Amino acid sequence: QVQVVESGGVLVQPGGSLRLSCVASGSINGVYAMVWYRQAPGNQRDLVAETTTSGRTKYADSVKGRFTISAGYANHTIYLQMNSLKPEDTAVYYCKTESLAGAYWGQGTQIIVSS
């Protein structure tokens, strides 16, 4: 059984910073990427940031320069440091672990950026 758990979601003011965490536990073999997505009400789920075991990272244009993804692949953990938050960053943030056995999603953590 594989579990993916996100944490760190809160209400934060515009301009603030936040750090999300994601831990994948259980019997996972062949992890090659871990990815953050987000979904705002009424919108599709979009990729925010991705990191691979080869060291490649990718960001959505809307978060470049503000968000940073980092990973501890030894324990299947990733983080998302979010700075200069904007109201449009409000969404449920999901973590996905991609492995040779398949992809595993977490339940999401809510971020609300509002004054």
N, C-alpha and C. Protein backbone atom coordinates (compact mmCIF):
# COMPACT_ATOMS: atom_id res chain seq x y z
N GLN A 1 0.85 -1.18 0.00
CA GLN A 1 0.00 0.00 0.00
C GLN A 1 0.89 1.24 0.00
N VAL A 2 0.62 2.14 -0.93
CA VAL A 2 1.38 3.38 -1.05
C VAL A 2 0.51 4.53 -0.56
N GLN A 3 1.08 5.37 0.25
CA GLN A 3 0.39 6.58 0.72
C GLN A 3 1.19 7.80 0.34
N VAL A 4 0.50 8.80 -0.15
CA VAL A 4 1.12 10.09 -0.46
C VAL A 4 0.39 11.13 0.36
N VAL A 5 1.11 11.87 1.18
CA VAL A 5 0.47 12.81 2.10
C VAL A 5 1.12 14.19 1.96
N GLU A 6 0.28 15.16 1.66
CA GLU A 6 0.75 16.54 1.59
C GLU A 6 0.45 17.24 2.90
N SER A 7 1.22 18.28 3.22
CA SER A 7 0.96 19.09 4.40
C SER A 7 1.50 20.49 4.17
N GLY A 8 1.01 21.40 5.00
CA GLY A 8 1.49 22.78 4.95
C GLY A 8 0.49 23.79 4.46
N GLY A 9 -0.67 23.35 4.05
CA GLY A 9 -1.66 24.27 3.53
C GLY A 9 -2.28 25.13 4.62
N VAL A 10 -2.39 26.43 4.34
CA VAL A 10 -2.96 27.38 5.29
C VAL A 10 -3.54 28.56 4.55
N LEU A 11 -4.05 29.50 5.32
CA LEU A 11 -4.45 30.81 4.83
C LEU A 11 -3.24 31.74 5.01
N VAL A 12 -2.86 32.42 3.93
CA VAL A 12 -1.70 33.30 3.97
C VAL A 12 -2.02 34.59 3.24
N GLN A 13 -1.41 35.68 3.66
CA GLN A 13 -1.66 36.97 3.02
C GLN A 13 -0.87 37.10 1.71
N PRO A 14 -1.36 37.89 0.79
CA PRO A 14 -0.59 38.15 -0.44
C PRO A 14 0.79 38.67 -0.10
N GLY A 15 1.78 38.18 -0.85
CA GLY A 15 3.15 38.54 -0.59
C GLY A 15 3.86 37.64 0.40
N GLY A 16 3.10 36.78 1.03
CA GLY A 16 3.67 35.90 2.04
C GLY A 16 4.36 34.69 1.44
N SER A 17 4.91 33.87 2.32
CA SER A 17 5.63 32.66 1.91
C SER A 17 5.06 31.46 2.64
N LEU A 18 5.26 30.31 2.00
CA LEU A 18 4.74 29.07 2.55
C LEU A 18 5.58 27.91 2.02
N ARG A 19 5.69 26.86 2.82
CA ARG A 19 6.41 25.68 2.37
C ARG A 19 5.50 24.46 2.50
N LEU A 20 5.28 23.78 1.39
CA LEU A 20 4.50 22.55 1.38
C LEU A 20 5.45 21.35 1.43
N SER A 21 4.97 20.29 2.05
CA SER A 21 5.73 19.04 2.09
C SER A 21 4.87 17.90 1.55
N CYS A 22 5.55 16.92 1.01
CA CYS A 22 4.87 15.73 0.52
C CYS A 22 5.75 14.52 0.82
N VAL A 23 5.14 13.52 1.44
CA VAL A 23 5.87 12.30 1.73
C VAL A 23 5.12 11.12 1.13
N ALA A 24 5.85 10.30 0.38
CA ALA A 24 5.29 9.07 -0.16
C ALA A 24 5.87 7.91 0.63
N SER A 25 4.98 7.08 1.16
CA SER A 25 5.43 5.95 1.98
C SER A 25 4.81 4.66 1.49
N GLY A 26 5.39 3.57 1.93
CA GLY A 26 4.92 2.26 1.49
C GLY A 26 5.90 1.62 0.54
N SER A 27 5.43 0.62 -0.11
CA SER A 27 6.30 -0.14 -1.01
C SER A 27 6.33 0.51 -2.38
N ILE A 28 7.27 1.39 -2.57
CA ILE A 28 7.41 2.09 -3.85
C ILE A 28 8.77 1.76 -4.43
N ASN A 29 8.76 1.29 -5.64
CA ASN A 29 10.03 1.01 -6.31
C ASN A 29 10.12 1.80 -7.59
N GLY A 30 11.29 2.23 -7.90
CA GLY A 30 11.52 2.87 -9.18
C GLY A 30 10.91 4.25 -9.31
N VAL A 31 10.95 5.03 -8.22
CA VAL A 31 10.45 6.41 -8.32
C VAL A 31 11.39 7.19 -9.24
N TYR A 32 10.81 7.88 -10.22
CA TYR A 32 11.65 8.67 -11.11
C TYR A 32 11.26 10.14 -11.17
N ALA A 33 10.12 10.49 -10.59
CA ALA A 33 9.73 11.90 -10.56
C ALA A 33 8.71 12.12 -9.45
N MET A 34 8.72 13.34 -8.93
CA MET A 34 7.68 13.77 -8.00
C MET A 34 7.23 15.15 -8.44
N VAL A 35 5.93 15.37 -8.40
CA VAL A 35 5.35 16.52 -9.07
C VAL A 35 4.32 17.19 -8.17
N TRP A 36 4.28 18.50 -8.19
CA TRP A 36 3.22 19.28 -7.56
C TRP A 36 2.25 19.77 -8.64
N TYR A 37 0.96 19.59 -8.36
CA TYR A 37 -0.11 20.12 -9.19
C TYR A 37 -0.97 21.01 -8.31
N ARG A 38 -1.82 21.81 -8.95
CA ARG A 38 -2.82 22.55 -8.19
C ARG A 38 -4.09 22.65 -8.99
N GLN A 39 -5.18 22.79 -8.24
CA GLN A 39 -6.49 22.90 -8.88
C GLN A 39 -7.31 23.93 -8.12
N ALA A 40 -7.65 24.99 -8.84
CA ALA A 40 -8.52 26.02 -8.28
C ALA A 40 -9.97 25.66 -8.59
N PRO A 41 -10.93 26.17 -7.81
CA PRO A 41 -12.34 25.84 -8.06
C PRO A 41 -12.75 26.15 -9.49
N GLY A 42 -13.35 25.16 -10.14
CA GLY A 42 -13.83 25.35 -11.50
C GLY A 42 -12.76 25.20 -12.57
N ASN A 43 -11.54 24.93 -12.16
CA ASN A 43 -10.45 24.81 -13.12
C ASN A 43 -9.93 23.38 -13.18
N GLN A 44 -9.16 23.12 -14.20
CA GLN A 44 -8.52 21.81 -14.30
C GLN A 44 -7.30 21.77 -13.40
N ARG A 45 -6.80 20.55 -13.17
CA ARG A 45 -5.61 20.38 -12.36
C ARG A 45 -4.39 20.63 -13.24
N ASP A 46 -3.56 21.57 -12.82
CA ASP A 46 -2.41 21.99 -13.61
C ASP A 46 -1.09 21.69 -12.90
N LEU A 47 -0.08 21.40 -13.69
CA LEU A 47 1.24 21.18 -13.15
C LEU A 47 1.81 22.49 -12.62
N VAL A 48 2.40 22.43 -11.42
CA VAL A 48 3.05 23.59 -10.82
C VAL A 48 4.57 23.45 -10.93
N ALA A 49 5.08 22.31 -10.47
CA ALA A 49 6.52 22.09 -10.47
C ALA A 49 6.80 20.61 -10.44
N GLU A 50 7.89 20.23 -11.10
CA GLU A 50 8.26 18.82 -11.19
C GLU A 50 9.75 18.68 -10.93
N THR A 51 10.13 17.58 -10.27
CA THR A 51 11.53 17.24 -10.11
C THR A 51 11.71 15.77 -10.42
N THR A 52 12.82 15.44 -11.06
CA THR A 52 13.10 14.06 -11.41
C THR A 52 14.38 13.59 -10.72
N THR A 53 14.55 12.28 -10.65
CA THR A 53 15.75 11.72 -10.02
C THR A 53 17.00 12.05 -10.80
N SER A 54 16.85 12.45 -12.05
CA SER A 54 18.02 12.85 -12.84
C SER A 54 18.42 14.29 -12.58
N GLY A 55 17.63 14.96 -11.72
CA GLY A 55 17.98 16.33 -11.35
C GLY A 55 17.28 17.41 -12.17
N ARG A 56 16.42 16.99 -13.06
CA ARG A 56 15.70 17.97 -13.89
C ARG A 56 14.53 18.56 -13.10
N THR A 57 14.33 19.85 -13.25
CA THR A 57 13.16 20.50 -12.66
C THR A 57 12.42 21.27 -13.75
N LYS A 58 11.12 21.42 -13.53
CA LYS A 58 10.29 22.15 -14.47
C LYS A 58 9.25 22.92 -13.67
N TYR A 59 8.92 24.12 -14.13
CA TYR A 59 7.96 24.98 -13.45
C TYR A 59 6.94 25.52 -14.43
N ALA A 60 5.75 25.74 -13.92
CA ALA A 60 4.76 26.47 -14.70
C ALA A 60 5.23 27.91 -14.82
N ASP A 61 4.93 28.53 -15.94
CA ASP A 61 5.37 29.92 -16.16
C ASP A 61 4.87 30.84 -15.05
N SER A 62 3.69 30.56 -14.56
CA SER A 62 3.06 31.44 -13.57
C SER A 62 3.78 31.44 -12.22
N VAL A 63 4.64 30.44 -11.98
CA VAL A 63 5.30 30.37 -10.67
C VAL A 63 6.82 30.50 -10.77
N LYS A 64 7.33 30.58 -11.98
CA LYS A 64 8.79 30.69 -12.14
C LYS A 64 9.32 31.92 -11.41
N GLY A 65 10.41 31.71 -10.68
CA GLY A 65 11.02 32.80 -9.93
C GLY A 65 10.41 33.00 -8.56
N ARG A 66 9.26 32.37 -8.29
CA ARG A 66 8.61 32.51 -6.99
C ARG A 66 8.58 31.20 -6.21
N PHE A 67 8.43 30.09 -6.92
CA PHE A 67 8.34 28.78 -6.27
C PHE A 67 9.61 27.99 -6.55
N THR A 68 9.99 27.17 -5.57
CA THR A 68 11.15 26.29 -5.73
C THR A 68 10.80 24.89 -5.23
N ILE A 69 11.04 23.92 -6.07
CA ILE A 69 10.80 22.52 -5.69
C ILE A 69 12.13 21.88 -5.30
N SER A 70 12.10 21.08 -4.26
CA SER A 70 13.28 20.33 -3.85
C SER A 70 12.85 18.95 -3.40
N ALA A 71 13.80 18.03 -3.41
CA ALA A 71 13.43 16.64 -3.13
C ALA A 71 14.47 15.93 -2.30
N GLY A 72 13.99 15.01 -1.49
CA GLY A 72 14.85 14.07 -0.79
C GLY A 72 14.44 12.68 -1.22
N TYR A 73 15.01 12.21 -2.32
CA TYR A 73 14.53 10.97 -2.89
C TYR A 73 14.82 9.77 -2.01
N ALA A 74 15.78 9.90 -1.11
CA ALA A 74 16.08 8.77 -0.23
C ALA A 74 14.86 8.40 0.60
N ASN A 75 14.04 9.38 0.94
CA ASN A 75 12.84 9.09 1.73
C ASN A 75 11.57 9.53 1.02
N HIS A 76 11.66 9.69 -0.30
CA HIS A 76 10.49 10.00 -1.13
C HIS A 76 9.74 11.22 -0.59
N THR A 77 10.48 12.28 -0.39
CA THR A 77 9.92 13.52 0.13
C THR A 77 10.21 14.66 -0.83
N ILE A 78 9.21 15.50 -1.05
CA ILE A 78 9.47 16.72 -1.81
C ILE A 78 8.87 17.90 -1.07
N TYR A 79 9.39 19.06 -1.40
CA TYR A 79 8.95 20.31 -0.80
C TYR A 79 8.65 21.31 -1.92
N LEU A 80 7.81 22.25 -1.59
CA LEU A 80 7.54 23.35 -2.50
C LEU A 80 7.62 24.63 -1.69
N GLN A 81 8.69 25.37 -1.89
CA GLN A 81 8.83 26.68 -1.24
C GLN A 81 8.14 27.72 -2.12
N MET A 82 7.16 28.38 -1.56
CA MET A 82 6.37 29.34 -2.31
C MET A 82 6.57 30.73 -1.71
N ASN A 83 7.08 31.65 -2.50
CA ASN A 83 7.32 33.02 -2.07
C ASN A 83 6.47 33.98 -2.89
N SER A 84 6.33 35.17 -2.40
CA SER A 84 5.56 36.22 -3.11
C SER A 84 4.21 35.68 -3.56
N LEU A 85 3.49 35.09 -2.66
CA LEU A 85 2.22 34.47 -3.01
C LEU A 85 1.20 35.50 -3.46
N LYS A 86 0.38 35.09 -4.42
CA LYS A 86 -0.65 35.94 -4.98
C LYS A 86 -2.01 35.30 -4.78
N PRO A 87 -3.07 36.07 -4.80
CA PRO A 87 -4.41 35.48 -4.67
C PRO A 87 -4.67 34.39 -5.71
N GLU A 88 -4.12 34.55 -6.89
CA GLU A 88 -4.34 33.53 -7.93
C GLU A 88 -3.61 32.22 -7.67
N ASP A 89 -2.78 32.18 -6.62
CA ASP A 89 -2.16 30.92 -6.21
C ASP A 89 -3.11 30.08 -5.34
N THR A 90 -4.24 30.66 -4.99
CA THR A 90 -5.23 29.93 -4.20
C THR A 90 -5.71 28.69 -4.95
N ALA A 91 -5.58 27.54 -4.29
CA ALA A 91 -5.94 26.28 -4.93
C ALA A 91 -5.70 25.14 -3.94
N VAL A 92 -6.15 23.98 -4.32
CA VAL A 92 -5.74 22.75 -3.62
C VAL A 92 -4.48 22.25 -4.32
N TYR A 93 -3.45 22.00 -3.56
CA TYR A 93 -2.17 21.55 -4.10
C TYR A 93 -2.04 20.05 -3.88
N TYR A 94 -1.74 19.35 -4.95
CA TYR A 94 -1.62 17.91 -4.93
C TYR A 94 -0.19 17.48 -5.26
N CYS A 95 0.21 16.38 -4.65
CA CYS A 95 1.51 15.79 -4.92
C CYS A 95 1.31 14.47 -5.66
N LYS A 96 2.10 14.25 -6.68
CA LYS A 96 2.05 12.99 -7.41
C LYS A 96 3.44 12.38 -7.44
N THR A 97 3.50 11.10 -7.10
CA THR A 97 4.74 10.34 -7.19
C THR A 97 4.66 9.43 -8.41
N GLU A 98 5.64 9.54 -9.28
CA GLU A 98 5.65 8.72 -10.50
C GLU A 98 6.74 7.65 -10.37
N SER A 99 6.33 6.43 -10.58
CA SER A 99 7.27 5.31 -10.44
C SER A 99 7.06 4.33 -11.57
N LEU A 100 7.94 3.37 -11.64
CA LEU A 100 7.83 2.34 -12.67
C LEU A 100 6.56 1.51 -12.48
N ALA A 101 6.04 1.50 -11.24
CA ALA A 101 4.84 0.72 -10.95
C ALA A 101 3.56 1.53 -11.16
N GLY A 102 3.71 2.82 -11.42
CA GLY A 102 2.54 3.65 -11.62
C GLY A 102 2.67 4.99 -10.92
N ALA A 103 1.59 5.75 -10.96
CA ALA A 103 1.57 7.08 -10.35
C ALA A 103 0.64 7.07 -9.13
N TYR A 104 1.04 7.78 -8.10
CA TYR A 104 0.29 7.82 -6.85
C TYR A 104 0.04 9.28 -6.47
N TRP A 105 -1.22 9.55 -6.15
CA TRP A 105 -1.64 10.91 -5.80
C TRP A 105 -1.94 11.03 -4.32
N GLY A 106 -1.68 12.22 -3.79
CA GLY A 106 -2.13 12.52 -2.45
C GLY A 106 -3.53 13.11 -2.48
N GLN A 107 -4.06 13.42 -1.31
CA GLN A 107 -5.41 13.95 -1.19
C GLN A 107 -5.46 15.46 -1.35
N GLY A 108 -4.32 16.11 -1.30
CA GLY A 108 -4.27 17.54 -1.50
C GLY A 108 -4.24 18.33 -0.21
N THR A 109 -3.72 19.55 -0.32
CA THR A 109 -3.69 20.48 0.81
C THR A 109 -4.10 21.85 0.30
N GLN A 110 -4.98 22.52 1.04
CA GLN A 110 -5.58 23.77 0.58
C GLN A 110 -4.70 24.97 0.92
N ILE A 111 -4.47 25.80 -0.09
CA ILE A 111 -3.79 27.09 0.10
C ILE A 111 -4.78 28.18 -0.25
N ILE A 112 -4.95 29.13 0.66
CA ILE A 112 -5.77 30.30 0.39
C ILE A 112 -4.90 31.52 0.59
N VAL A 113 -4.80 32.31 -0.47
CA VAL A 113 -4.02 33.55 -0.40
C VAL A 113 -5.01 34.71 -0.42
N SER A 114 -5.13 35.36 0.71
CA SER A 114 -6.14 36.40 0.83
C SER A 114 -5.77 37.32 1.98
N SER A 115 -6.16 38.59 1.82
CA SER A 115 -5.96 39.54 2.90
C SER A 115 -7.21 39.63 3.77
